[in-house]
Amino acid sequence: MIIRLFIFSLLFFVSSSFSVQEETIFMANSGSIHFKSDAPLELIEASSDKLKGAIDVLKKTFAFSMEMSSFEGFNSPLQRIHFNENYLESKVFPKATFTGKIIENVDLLEPGEYTVRAKGKLTIHGVTQERIIKSKIKVEGEKLYVQSSFRVLLKEHDIDIPKIVFQKIAEEIQVDIKAEFSKRTAAAKGKKTKAKD
């Protein structure tokens, strides 16, 4: 009887541990990214609401992904074509990604506002750079709200600007991100399992 009770307790503990671990994964419900190129002769801005992401608040790990062709709001349709075909080569390098770990030892299950440093690998145009990006995270109920602003040097990602338009495109691009995360639901877990099958 004692042995059975011990085994039952152990199984319950293991099962509970896995449940807690699963509940620490937050998925992006909605995410937007905006960039601005402020060059001497032209201001170029575009946005996308197709930012995807996940944060494991227990392991302090994260992963973000962005479809480069989803940006809209350029000054003209031709400008968008140049962005995708000539500079970012979106058909060859369709996604930008940022994966890594949060440096600070903060409890992101505890309500509050936190300023953290996200250290990881930023891949744009097929070129990966190590970056540390400061971010603000607000924990409210079962949601996380993430905001971040940083700059990207085009030359660090082998994005060449022809001399003829050098005064129209900035060498350094301002990027602003906003995203809302919720705990991964049982339905989402089921879909993931079916996708694997």
N, C-alpha and C. Protein backbone atom coordinates (compact mmCIF):
# COMPACT_ATOMS: atom_id res chain seq x y z
N MET A 1 0.83 -1.21 0.00
CA MET A 1 0.00 0.00 0.00
C MET A 1 0.86 1.26 0.00
N ILE A 2 1.89 1.26 0.83
CA ILE A 2 2.79 2.41 0.91
C ILE A 2 3.51 2.61 -0.41
N ILE A 3 3.93 1.48 -1.03
CA ILE A 3 4.64 1.56 -2.31
C ILE A 3 3.73 2.13 -3.39
N ARG A 4 2.46 1.66 -3.41
CA ARG A 4 1.51 2.18 -4.39
C ARG A 4 1.26 3.67 -4.21
N LEU A 5 1.15 4.09 -2.96
CA LEU A 5 0.94 5.50 -2.65
C LEU A 5 2.13 6.34 -3.11
N PHE A 6 3.33 5.80 -2.90
CA PHE A 6 4.55 6.49 -3.31
C PHE A 6 4.60 6.65 -4.82
N ILE A 7 4.26 5.56 -5.55
CA ILE A 7 4.28 5.60 -7.01
C ILE A 7 3.24 6.59 -7.54
N PHE A 8 2.04 6.56 -6.93
CA PHE A 8 0.98 7.50 -7.33
C PHE A 8 1.42 8.94 -7.11
N SER A 9 2.04 9.21 -5.96
CA SER A 9 2.51 10.56 -5.64
C SER A 9 3.57 11.02 -6.63
N LEU A 10 4.47 10.09 -6.98
CA LEU A 10 5.56 10.40 -7.91
C LEU A 10 4.99 10.73 -9.29
N LEU A 11 4.04 9.90 -9.76
CA LEU A 11 3.42 10.14 -11.06
C LEU A 11 2.68 11.47 -11.08
N PHE A 12 1.98 11.78 -9.99
CA PHE A 12 1.25 13.05 -9.89
C PHE A 12 2.21 14.24 -9.95
N PHE A 13 3.35 14.13 -9.25
CA PHE A 13 4.35 15.19 -9.23
C PHE A 13 4.94 15.41 -10.61
N VAL A 14 5.29 14.31 -11.29
CA VAL A 14 5.88 14.42 -12.63
C VAL A 14 4.88 15.04 -13.60
N SER A 15 3.62 14.55 -13.52
CA SER A 15 2.57 15.08 -14.39
C SER A 15 2.35 16.57 -14.15
N SER A 16 2.32 16.97 -12.89
CA SER A 16 2.13 18.39 -12.55
C SER A 16 3.29 19.23 -13.04
N SER A 17 4.50 18.68 -12.94
CA SER A 17 5.69 19.41 -13.38
C SER A 17 5.62 19.70 -14.87
N PHE A 18 5.22 18.69 -15.65
CA PHE A 18 5.11 18.87 -17.09
C PHE A 18 4.04 19.90 -17.43
N SER A 19 2.92 19.87 -16.68
CA SER A 19 1.83 20.82 -16.93
C SER A 19 2.29 22.24 -16.68
N VAL A 20 3.01 22.44 -15.58
CA VAL A 20 3.53 23.78 -15.26
C VAL A 20 4.49 24.25 -16.33
N GLN A 21 5.34 23.31 -16.79
CA GLN A 21 6.32 23.67 -17.79
C GLN A 21 5.65 24.08 -19.10
N GLU A 22 4.61 23.33 -19.50
CA GLU A 22 3.91 23.64 -20.73
C GLU A 22 3.24 25.01 -20.65
N GLU A 23 2.72 25.35 -19.48
CA GLU A 23 2.00 26.60 -19.32
C GLU A 23 2.92 27.82 -19.30
N THR A 24 4.21 27.60 -19.33
CA THR A 24 5.13 28.73 -19.33
C THR A 24 5.47 29.19 -20.73
N ILE A 25 4.87 28.58 -21.74
CA ILE A 25 5.11 29.01 -23.12
C ILE A 25 4.00 29.98 -23.54
N PHE A 26 4.41 31.18 -23.95
CA PHE A 26 3.47 32.20 -24.40
C PHE A 26 3.65 32.40 -25.90
N MET A 27 2.51 32.44 -26.61
CA MET A 27 2.53 32.63 -28.05
C MET A 27 1.98 34.01 -28.40
N ALA A 28 2.50 34.59 -29.47
CA ALA A 28 2.06 35.92 -29.89
C ALA A 28 0.68 35.84 -30.51
N ASN A 29 -0.29 36.55 -29.91
CA ASN A 29 -1.63 36.68 -30.49
C ASN A 29 -1.58 37.65 -31.66
N SER A 30 -0.89 38.73 -31.43
CA SER A 30 -0.74 39.76 -32.45
C SER A 30 0.62 40.42 -32.28
N GLY A 31 1.21 40.75 -33.39
CA GLY A 31 2.52 41.39 -33.33
C GLY A 31 2.72 42.28 -34.53
N SER A 32 3.30 43.43 -34.31
CA SER A 32 3.55 44.35 -35.42
C SER A 32 4.99 44.83 -35.39
N ILE A 33 5.49 45.13 -36.58
CA ILE A 33 6.85 45.64 -36.70
C ILE A 33 6.82 46.80 -37.69
N HIS A 34 7.53 47.85 -37.35
CA HIS A 34 7.56 49.06 -38.17
C HIS A 34 9.01 49.46 -38.37
N PHE A 35 9.35 49.81 -39.61
CA PHE A 35 10.72 50.29 -39.83
C PHE A 35 10.70 51.65 -40.52
N LYS A 36 11.78 52.40 -40.27
CA LYS A 36 11.90 53.74 -40.85
C LYS A 36 13.31 53.96 -41.36
N SER A 37 13.39 54.38 -42.61
CA SER A 37 14.66 54.77 -43.22
C SER A 37 14.61 56.28 -43.42
N ASP A 38 15.40 57.01 -42.64
CA ASP A 38 15.39 58.47 -42.69
C ASP A 38 16.68 58.95 -43.36
N ALA A 39 16.64 59.04 -44.67
CA ALA A 39 17.80 59.45 -45.46
C ALA A 39 17.69 60.94 -45.80
N PRO A 40 18.80 61.56 -46.25
CA PRO A 40 18.78 63.00 -46.55
C PRO A 40 17.70 63.42 -47.55
N LEU A 41 17.42 62.58 -48.56
CA LEU A 41 16.48 62.98 -49.60
C LEU A 41 15.11 62.29 -49.53
N GLU A 42 14.99 61.31 -48.64
CA GLU A 42 13.71 60.60 -48.61
C GLU A 42 13.49 59.88 -47.29
N LEU A 43 12.23 59.90 -46.85
CA LEU A 43 11.81 59.16 -45.66
C LEU A 43 10.97 57.96 -46.12
N ILE A 44 11.40 56.78 -45.75
CA ILE A 44 10.69 55.56 -46.13
C ILE A 44 10.23 54.85 -44.86
N GLU A 45 8.93 54.55 -44.80
CA GLU A 45 8.38 53.83 -43.66
C GLU A 45 7.46 52.72 -44.15
N ALA A 46 7.45 51.61 -43.42
CA ALA A 46 6.55 50.50 -43.75
C ALA A 46 6.30 49.69 -42.49
N SER A 47 5.18 48.99 -42.48
CA SER A 47 4.79 48.20 -41.30
C SER A 47 4.21 46.85 -41.71
N SER A 48 4.19 45.94 -40.76
CA SER A 48 3.55 44.64 -40.96
C SER A 48 2.96 44.17 -39.64
N ASP A 49 1.83 43.49 -39.72
CA ASP A 49 1.22 42.92 -38.52
C ASP A 49 1.35 41.40 -38.52
N LYS A 50 2.34 40.90 -39.25
CA LYS A 50 2.53 39.45 -39.39
C LYS A 50 3.66 38.90 -38.52
N LEU A 51 4.07 39.66 -37.52
CA LEU A 51 5.14 39.20 -36.64
C LEU A 51 4.65 38.01 -35.80
N LYS A 52 5.42 36.93 -35.79
CA LYS A 52 5.09 35.76 -34.99
C LYS A 52 6.17 35.56 -33.93
N GLY A 53 5.78 34.97 -32.80
CA GLY A 53 6.78 34.78 -31.76
C GLY A 53 6.32 33.87 -30.64
N ALA A 54 7.27 33.41 -29.86
CA ALA A 54 7.00 32.57 -28.69
C ALA A 54 8.05 32.87 -27.63
N ILE A 55 7.61 32.85 -26.38
CA ILE A 55 8.51 33.07 -25.24
C ILE A 55 8.26 31.97 -24.22
N ASP A 56 9.33 31.31 -23.81
CA ASP A 56 9.25 30.35 -22.70
C ASP A 56 9.76 31.08 -21.46
N VAL A 57 8.83 31.49 -20.59
CA VAL A 57 9.21 32.33 -19.45
C VAL A 57 9.97 31.55 -18.39
N LEU A 58 9.90 30.23 -18.42
CA LEU A 58 10.65 29.42 -17.47
C LEU A 58 12.11 29.32 -17.89
N LYS A 59 12.33 29.02 -19.16
CA LYS A 59 13.70 28.88 -19.68
C LYS A 59 14.30 30.22 -20.09
N LYS A 60 13.44 31.26 -20.15
CA LYS A 60 13.86 32.61 -20.58
C LYS A 60 14.32 32.62 -22.04
N THR A 61 13.75 31.74 -22.85
CA THR A 61 14.11 31.70 -24.27
C THR A 61 12.99 32.31 -25.12
N PHE A 62 13.34 32.72 -26.34
CA PHE A 62 12.36 33.35 -27.22
C PHE A 62 12.71 33.04 -28.68
N ALA A 63 11.72 33.21 -29.54
CA ALA A 63 11.92 33.06 -30.98
C ALA A 63 10.91 33.95 -31.70
N PHE A 64 11.39 34.76 -32.64
CA PHE A 64 10.53 35.62 -33.44
C PHE A 64 10.78 35.34 -34.91
N SER A 65 9.73 35.50 -35.71
CA SER A 65 9.84 35.29 -37.15
C SER A 65 8.99 36.31 -37.88
N MET A 66 9.48 36.76 -39.03
CA MET A 66 8.80 37.82 -39.77
C MET A 66 8.89 37.55 -41.27
N GLU A 67 7.74 37.58 -41.96
CA GLU A 67 7.71 37.44 -43.42
C GLU A 67 8.06 38.79 -44.03
N MET A 68 9.17 38.87 -44.74
CA MET A 68 9.65 40.15 -45.26
C MET A 68 8.72 40.75 -46.31
N SER A 69 8.03 39.91 -47.07
CA SER A 69 7.16 40.41 -48.13
C SER A 69 5.85 40.99 -47.60
N SER A 70 5.62 40.89 -46.29
CA SER A 70 4.34 41.35 -45.72
C SER A 70 4.34 42.84 -45.37
N PHE A 71 5.45 43.53 -45.56
CA PHE A 71 5.50 44.96 -45.24
C PHE A 71 4.66 45.77 -46.22
N GLU A 72 3.92 46.73 -45.65
CA GLU A 72 3.08 47.62 -46.46
C GLU A 72 3.24 49.06 -45.97
N GLY A 73 2.79 50.01 -46.82
CA GLY A 73 2.82 51.41 -46.42
C GLY A 73 3.95 52.20 -47.03
N PHE A 74 4.60 51.66 -48.05
CA PHE A 74 5.68 52.37 -48.72
C PHE A 74 5.13 53.62 -49.44
N ASN A 75 6.03 54.48 -49.87
CA ASN A 75 5.62 55.70 -50.57
C ASN A 75 4.95 55.41 -51.91
N SER A 76 5.30 54.25 -52.49
CA SER A 76 4.72 53.88 -53.78
C SER A 76 4.84 52.37 -53.96
N PRO A 77 4.01 51.79 -54.85
CA PRO A 77 4.12 50.35 -55.13
C PRO A 77 5.50 49.97 -55.66
N LEU A 78 6.11 50.87 -56.45
CA LEU A 78 7.43 50.60 -57.01
C LEU A 78 8.48 50.50 -55.91
N GLN A 79 8.33 51.34 -54.89
CA GLN A 79 9.26 51.32 -53.77
C GLN A 79 9.20 49.98 -53.04
N ARG A 80 7.99 49.44 -52.91
CA ARG A 80 7.82 48.12 -52.27
C ARG A 80 8.47 47.03 -53.11
N ILE A 81 8.34 47.13 -54.42
CA ILE A 81 8.97 46.15 -55.32
C ILE A 81 10.48 46.18 -55.16
N HIS A 82 11.05 47.39 -55.14
CA HIS A 82 12.51 47.52 -54.97
C HIS A 82 12.96 46.95 -53.63
N PHE A 83 12.17 47.21 -52.58
CA PHE A 83 12.49 46.70 -51.25
C PHE A 83 12.59 45.17 -51.26
N ASN A 84 11.59 44.52 -51.87
CA ASN A 84 11.54 43.05 -51.86
C ASN A 84 12.48 42.40 -52.88
N GLU A 85 12.61 43.02 -54.05
CA GLU A 85 13.40 42.37 -55.11
C GLU A 85 14.87 42.77 -55.12
N ASN A 86 15.15 44.05 -54.91
CA ASN A 86 16.53 44.53 -55.06
C ASN A 86 17.35 44.54 -53.77
N TYR A 87 16.70 44.86 -52.64
CA TYR A 87 17.44 45.03 -51.40
C TYR A 87 17.35 43.83 -50.46
N LEU A 88 16.13 43.44 -50.09
CA LEU A 88 15.96 42.32 -49.15
C LEU A 88 15.92 40.97 -49.85
N GLU A 89 15.71 40.96 -51.16
CA GLU A 89 15.62 39.70 -51.93
C GLU A 89 14.71 38.70 -51.22
N SER A 90 13.47 39.14 -51.02
CA SER A 90 12.53 38.40 -50.18
C SER A 90 12.20 36.99 -50.68
N LYS A 91 12.31 36.76 -51.97
CA LYS A 91 12.05 35.42 -52.48
C LYS A 91 13.18 34.45 -52.11
N VAL A 92 14.38 34.96 -52.04
CA VAL A 92 15.54 34.13 -51.67
C VAL A 92 15.65 34.02 -50.15
N PHE A 93 15.40 35.14 -49.45
CA PHE A 93 15.47 35.18 -47.99
C PHE A 93 14.11 35.66 -47.46
N PRO A 94 13.12 34.78 -47.43
CA PRO A 94 11.74 35.20 -47.12
C PRO A 94 11.49 35.65 -45.69
N LYS A 95 12.33 35.23 -44.75
CA LYS A 95 12.05 35.55 -43.35
C LYS A 95 13.23 36.21 -42.65
N ALA A 96 12.88 37.05 -41.69
CA ALA A 96 13.86 37.56 -40.73
C ALA A 96 13.53 36.90 -39.39
N THR A 97 14.55 36.51 -38.64
CA THR A 97 14.31 35.83 -37.37
C THR A 97 15.22 36.38 -36.27
N PHE A 98 14.75 36.22 -35.05
CA PHE A 98 15.55 36.59 -33.87
C PHE A 98 15.28 35.55 -32.80
N THR A 99 16.29 34.80 -32.43
CA THR A 99 16.14 33.74 -31.42
C THR A 99 17.24 33.87 -30.38
N GLY A 100 16.90 33.56 -29.13
CA GLY A 100 17.91 33.66 -28.10
C GLY A 100 17.35 33.53 -26.70
N LYS A 101 17.95 34.27 -25.79
CA LYS A 101 17.60 34.13 -24.37
C LYS A 101 17.59 35.48 -23.69
N ILE A 102 16.72 35.63 -22.70
CA ILE A 102 16.66 36.85 -21.88
C ILE A 102 17.75 36.78 -20.82
N ILE A 103 18.57 37.82 -20.74
CA ILE A 103 19.71 37.81 -19.83
C ILE A 103 19.28 37.94 -18.37
N GLU A 104 18.36 38.86 -18.11
CA GLU A 104 17.97 39.13 -16.73
C GLU A 104 17.22 37.96 -16.09
N ASN A 105 17.44 37.78 -14.80
CA ASN A 105 16.75 36.72 -14.05
C ASN A 105 15.47 37.31 -13.46
N VAL A 106 14.45 37.43 -14.31
CA VAL A 106 13.17 38.01 -13.88
C VAL A 106 12.08 36.94 -13.94
N ASP A 107 11.09 37.08 -13.09
CA ASP A 107 9.97 36.14 -13.06
C ASP A 107 8.85 36.71 -13.92
N LEU A 108 8.74 36.22 -15.15
CA LEU A 108 7.75 36.74 -16.08
C LEU A 108 6.37 36.14 -15.90
N LEU A 109 6.19 35.42 -14.80
CA LEU A 109 4.85 34.99 -14.40
C LEU A 109 4.30 35.91 -13.32
N GLU A 110 5.15 36.80 -12.84
CA GLU A 110 4.77 37.74 -11.79
C GLU A 110 4.35 39.07 -12.42
N PRO A 111 3.13 39.56 -12.14
CA PRO A 111 2.67 40.82 -12.73
C PRO A 111 3.64 41.97 -12.47
N GLY A 112 3.81 42.81 -13.47
CA GLY A 112 4.71 43.95 -13.34
C GLY A 112 5.29 44.35 -14.68
N GLU A 113 6.14 45.37 -14.65
CA GLU A 113 6.81 45.84 -15.85
C GLU A 113 8.31 45.65 -15.69
N TYR A 114 8.93 45.11 -16.73
CA TYR A 114 10.35 44.76 -16.65
C TYR A 114 11.08 45.28 -17.88
N THR A 115 12.31 45.74 -17.66
CA THR A 115 13.20 46.08 -18.76
C THR A 115 14.27 44.99 -18.81
N VAL A 116 14.35 44.32 -19.94
CA VAL A 116 15.27 43.19 -20.07
C VAL A 116 16.14 43.35 -21.31
N ARG A 117 17.22 42.56 -21.33
CA ARG A 117 18.07 42.49 -22.51
C ARG A 117 17.89 41.12 -23.16
N ALA A 118 17.51 41.15 -24.43
CA ALA A 118 17.33 39.91 -25.18
C ALA A 118 18.60 39.67 -26.00
N LYS A 119 19.30 38.60 -25.67
CA LYS A 119 20.55 38.28 -26.37
C LYS A 119 20.30 37.11 -27.30
N GLY A 120 20.67 37.29 -28.57
CA GLY A 120 20.44 36.19 -29.49
C GLY A 120 21.00 36.44 -30.88
N LYS A 121 20.49 35.68 -31.83
CA LYS A 121 20.95 35.75 -33.21
C LYS A 121 19.87 36.37 -34.09
N LEU A 122 20.21 37.50 -34.68
CA LEU A 122 19.31 38.22 -35.57
C LEU A 122 19.71 37.90 -37.02
N THR A 123 18.78 37.30 -37.74
CA THR A 123 19.05 36.93 -39.13
C THR A 123 18.17 37.74 -40.06
N ILE A 124 18.82 38.52 -40.93
CA ILE A 124 18.14 39.31 -41.95
C ILE A 124 18.92 39.14 -43.25
N HIS A 125 18.21 38.94 -44.35
CA HIS A 125 18.85 38.80 -45.66
C HIS A 125 19.84 37.64 -45.67
N GLY A 126 19.53 36.61 -44.86
CA GLY A 126 20.37 35.42 -44.80
C GLY A 126 21.65 35.57 -44.02
N VAL A 127 21.85 36.74 -43.39
CA VAL A 127 23.07 36.99 -42.62
C VAL A 127 22.72 37.11 -41.15
N THR A 128 23.43 36.34 -40.32
CA THR A 128 23.15 36.29 -38.89
C THR A 128 24.17 37.10 -38.10
N GLN A 129 23.66 37.92 -37.18
CA GLN A 129 24.52 38.72 -36.30
C GLN A 129 24.10 38.51 -34.86
N GLU A 130 25.09 38.45 -33.96
CA GLU A 130 24.79 38.39 -32.53
C GLU A 130 24.36 39.78 -32.08
N ARG A 131 23.22 39.84 -31.40
CA ARG A 131 22.72 41.13 -30.92
C ARG A 131 22.22 41.03 -29.49
N ILE A 132 22.32 42.15 -28.78
CA ILE A 132 21.65 42.31 -27.50
C ILE A 132 20.69 43.47 -27.67
N ILE A 133 19.40 43.18 -27.55
CA ILE A 133 18.36 44.18 -27.80
C ILE A 133 17.55 44.41 -26.53
N LYS A 134 17.53 45.66 -26.10
CA LYS A 134 16.77 45.99 -24.89
C LYS A 134 15.28 46.00 -25.20
N SER A 135 14.49 45.42 -24.30
CA SER A 135 13.05 45.32 -24.51
C SER A 135 12.31 45.60 -23.21
N LYS A 136 11.06 46.02 -23.35
CA LYS A 136 10.19 46.21 -22.19
C LYS A 136 9.10 45.13 -22.23
N ILE A 137 8.90 44.48 -21.10
CA ILE A 137 7.88 43.44 -21.00
C ILE A 137 6.93 43.78 -19.86
N LYS A 138 5.64 43.81 -20.18
CA LYS A 138 4.62 44.04 -19.17
C LYS A 138 3.85 42.73 -18.97
N VAL A 139 3.80 42.27 -17.73
CA VAL A 139 3.07 41.05 -17.39
C VAL A 139 1.75 41.45 -16.75
N GLU A 140 0.67 41.03 -17.37
CA GLU A 140 -0.66 41.42 -16.89
C GLU A 140 -1.61 40.23 -17.03
N GLY A 141 -1.98 39.63 -15.91
CA GLY A 141 -2.82 38.44 -15.97
C GLY A 141 -2.07 37.30 -16.65
N GLU A 142 -2.68 36.73 -17.68
CA GLU A 142 -2.03 35.67 -18.43
C GLU A 142 -1.53 36.18 -19.78
N LYS A 143 -1.18 37.44 -19.81
CA LYS A 143 -0.68 38.05 -21.04
C LYS A 143 0.67 38.73 -20.82
N LEU A 144 1.46 38.76 -21.87
CA LEU A 144 2.72 39.50 -21.89
C LEU A 144 2.64 40.52 -23.01
N TYR A 145 3.08 41.75 -22.73
CA TYR A 145 3.13 42.79 -23.75
C TYR A 145 4.59 43.19 -23.93
N VAL A 146 5.08 43.05 -25.15
CA VAL A 146 6.50 43.29 -25.42
C VAL A 146 6.65 44.47 -26.36
N GLN A 147 7.58 45.37 -26.01
CA GLN A 147 7.92 46.50 -26.87
C GLN A 147 9.43 46.59 -26.98
N SER A 148 9.89 46.92 -28.18
CA SER A 148 11.34 47.05 -28.37
C SER A 148 11.62 48.00 -29.53
N SER A 149 12.71 48.75 -29.41
CA SER A 149 13.18 49.63 -30.48
C SER A 149 14.68 49.43 -30.63
N PHE A 150 15.12 49.26 -31.86
CA PHE A 150 16.55 49.08 -32.10
C PHE A 150 16.89 49.49 -33.53
N ARG A 151 18.16 49.54 -33.84
CA ARG A 151 18.60 49.97 -35.16
C ARG A 151 19.35 48.82 -35.84
N VAL A 152 19.22 48.78 -37.15
CA VAL A 152 19.88 47.74 -37.95
C VAL A 152 20.75 48.41 -39.01
N LEU A 153 22.04 48.08 -39.03
CA LEU A 153 22.95 48.56 -40.06
C LEU A 153 22.83 47.65 -41.27
N LEU A 154 22.52 48.22 -42.42
CA LEU A 154 22.32 47.42 -43.62
C LEU A 154 23.57 46.63 -44.01
N LYS A 155 24.73 47.25 -43.85
CA LYS A 155 25.97 46.58 -44.27
C LYS A 155 26.26 45.34 -43.42
N GLU A 156 25.74 45.31 -42.19
CA GLU A 156 25.96 44.13 -41.33
C GLU A 156 25.18 42.91 -41.83
N HIS A 157 24.23 43.15 -42.72
CA HIS A 157 23.44 42.04 -43.27
C HIS A 157 23.58 41.97 -44.79
N ASP A 158 24.69 42.49 -45.28
CA ASP A 158 25.02 42.43 -46.72
C ASP A 158 23.91 42.96 -47.62
N ILE A 159 23.27 44.05 -47.16
CA ILE A 159 22.25 44.69 -47.98
C ILE A 159 22.90 45.89 -48.66
N ASP A 160 23.10 45.78 -49.96
CA ASP A 160 23.82 46.81 -50.71
C ASP A 160 22.86 47.86 -51.25
N ILE A 161 23.27 49.12 -51.13
CA ILE A 161 22.50 50.24 -51.65
C ILE A 161 23.26 50.83 -52.84
N PRO A 162 22.68 50.83 -54.02
CA PRO A 162 23.35 51.42 -55.20
C PRO A 162 23.65 52.90 -54.97
N LYS A 163 24.76 53.37 -55.52
CA LYS A 163 25.16 54.76 -55.34
C LYS A 163 24.12 55.74 -55.84
N ILE A 164 23.37 55.34 -56.86
CA ILE A 164 22.39 56.23 -57.46
C ILE A 164 21.25 56.59 -56.49
N VAL A 165 21.00 55.71 -55.51
CA VAL A 165 19.94 55.99 -54.52
C VAL A 165 20.50 56.11 -53.11
N PHE A 166 21.80 56.33 -53.01
CA PHE A 166 22.47 56.38 -51.71
C PHE A 166 21.91 57.45 -50.79
N GLN A 167 21.46 58.57 -51.36
CA GLN A 167 20.92 59.67 -50.56
C GLN A 167 19.43 59.47 -50.22
N LYS A 168 18.84 58.39 -50.76
CA LYS A 168 17.41 58.15 -50.53
C LYS A 168 17.15 57.01 -49.54
N ILE A 169 18.17 56.24 -49.24
CA ILE A 169 18.00 55.12 -48.32
C ILE A 169 19.06 55.21 -47.23
N ALA A 170 18.63 55.22 -45.98
CA ALA A 170 19.55 55.35 -44.84
C ALA A 170 20.37 54.06 -44.67
N GLU A 171 21.60 54.24 -44.22
CA GLU A 171 22.47 53.08 -43.96
C GLU A 171 22.05 52.35 -42.69
N GLU A 172 21.35 53.07 -41.81
CA GLU A 172 20.90 52.51 -40.55
C GLU A 172 19.38 52.64 -40.46
N ILE A 173 18.69 51.55 -40.18
CA ILE A 173 17.23 51.51 -40.17
C ILE A 173 16.71 51.41 -38.74
N GLN A 174 15.73 52.24 -38.43
CA GLN A 174 15.07 52.18 -37.12
C GLN A 174 13.95 51.15 -37.16
N VAL A 175 13.94 50.25 -36.17
CA VAL A 175 12.93 49.19 -36.11
C VAL A 175 12.19 49.27 -34.78
N ASP A 176 10.86 49.22 -34.83
CA ASP A 176 10.04 49.23 -33.62
C ASP A 176 9.11 48.02 -33.64
N ILE A 177 9.04 47.34 -32.50
CA ILE A 177 8.24 46.11 -32.40
C ILE A 177 7.27 46.21 -31.23
N LYS A 178 6.04 45.73 -31.46
CA LYS A 178 5.05 45.58 -30.40
C LYS A 178 4.39 44.22 -30.57
N ALA A 179 4.22 43.50 -29.47
CA ALA A 179 3.58 42.19 -29.56
C ALA A 179 2.84 41.85 -28.28
N GLU A 180 1.73 41.15 -28.44
CA GLU A 180 0.95 40.68 -27.30
C GLU A 180 0.98 39.15 -27.29
N PHE A 181 1.32 38.59 -26.12
CA PHE A 181 1.45 37.14 -25.97
C PHE A 181 0.44 36.61 -24.97
N SER A 182 -0.04 35.40 -25.23
CA SER A 182 -0.90 34.69 -24.28
C SER A 182 -0.36 33.29 -24.06
N LYS A 183 -0.72 32.69 -22.91
CA LYS A 183 -0.30 31.32 -22.63
C LYS A 183 -0.82 30.40 -23.72
N ARG A 184 0.02 29.47 -24.11
CA ARG A 184 -0.39 28.51 -25.13
C ARG A 184 -1.55 27.67 -24.61
N THR A 185 -2.60 27.56 -25.42
CA THR A 185 -3.80 26.84 -25.00
C THR A 185 -3.72 25.37 -25.38
N ALA A 186 -4.62 24.59 -24.80
CA ALA A 186 -4.68 23.16 -25.11
C ALA A 186 -4.98 22.95 -26.59
N ALA A 187 -5.82 23.83 -27.17
CA ALA A 187 -6.16 23.72 -28.59
C ALA A 187 -4.93 23.91 -29.46
N ALA A 188 -4.09 24.89 -29.06
CA ALA A 188 -2.87 25.16 -29.82
C ALA A 188 -1.92 23.98 -29.74
N LYS A 189 -1.85 23.35 -28.56
CA LYS A 189 -1.00 22.18 -28.39
C LYS A 189 -1.48 21.05 -29.29
N GLY A 190 -2.82 20.88 -29.38
CA GLY A 190 -3.39 19.83 -30.21
C GLY A 190 -3.06 20.04 -31.67
N LYS A 191 -3.15 21.29 -32.13
CA LYS A 191 -2.83 21.60 -33.51
C LYS A 191 -1.38 21.30 -33.82
N LYS A 192 -0.50 21.62 -32.87
CA LYS A 192 0.92 21.37 -33.05
C LYS A 192 1.20 19.88 -33.18
N THR A 193 0.51 19.08 -32.33
CA THR A 193 0.70 17.63 -32.37
C THR A 193 0.21 17.06 -33.70
N LYS A 194 -0.95 17.55 -34.20
CA LYS A 194 -1.48 17.09 -35.49
C LYS A 194 -0.54 17.44 -36.62
N ALA A 195 0.06 18.64 -36.53
CA ALA A 195 0.98 19.07 -37.56
C ALA A 195 2.18 18.14 -37.64
N LYS A 196 2.63 17.65 -36.48
CA LYS A 196 3.77 16.73 -36.45
C LYS A 196 3.40 15.39 -37.06
N ASP A 197 2.13 14.95 -36.79
CA ASP A 197 1.66 13.67 -37.33
C ASP A 197 1.54 13.76 -38.86
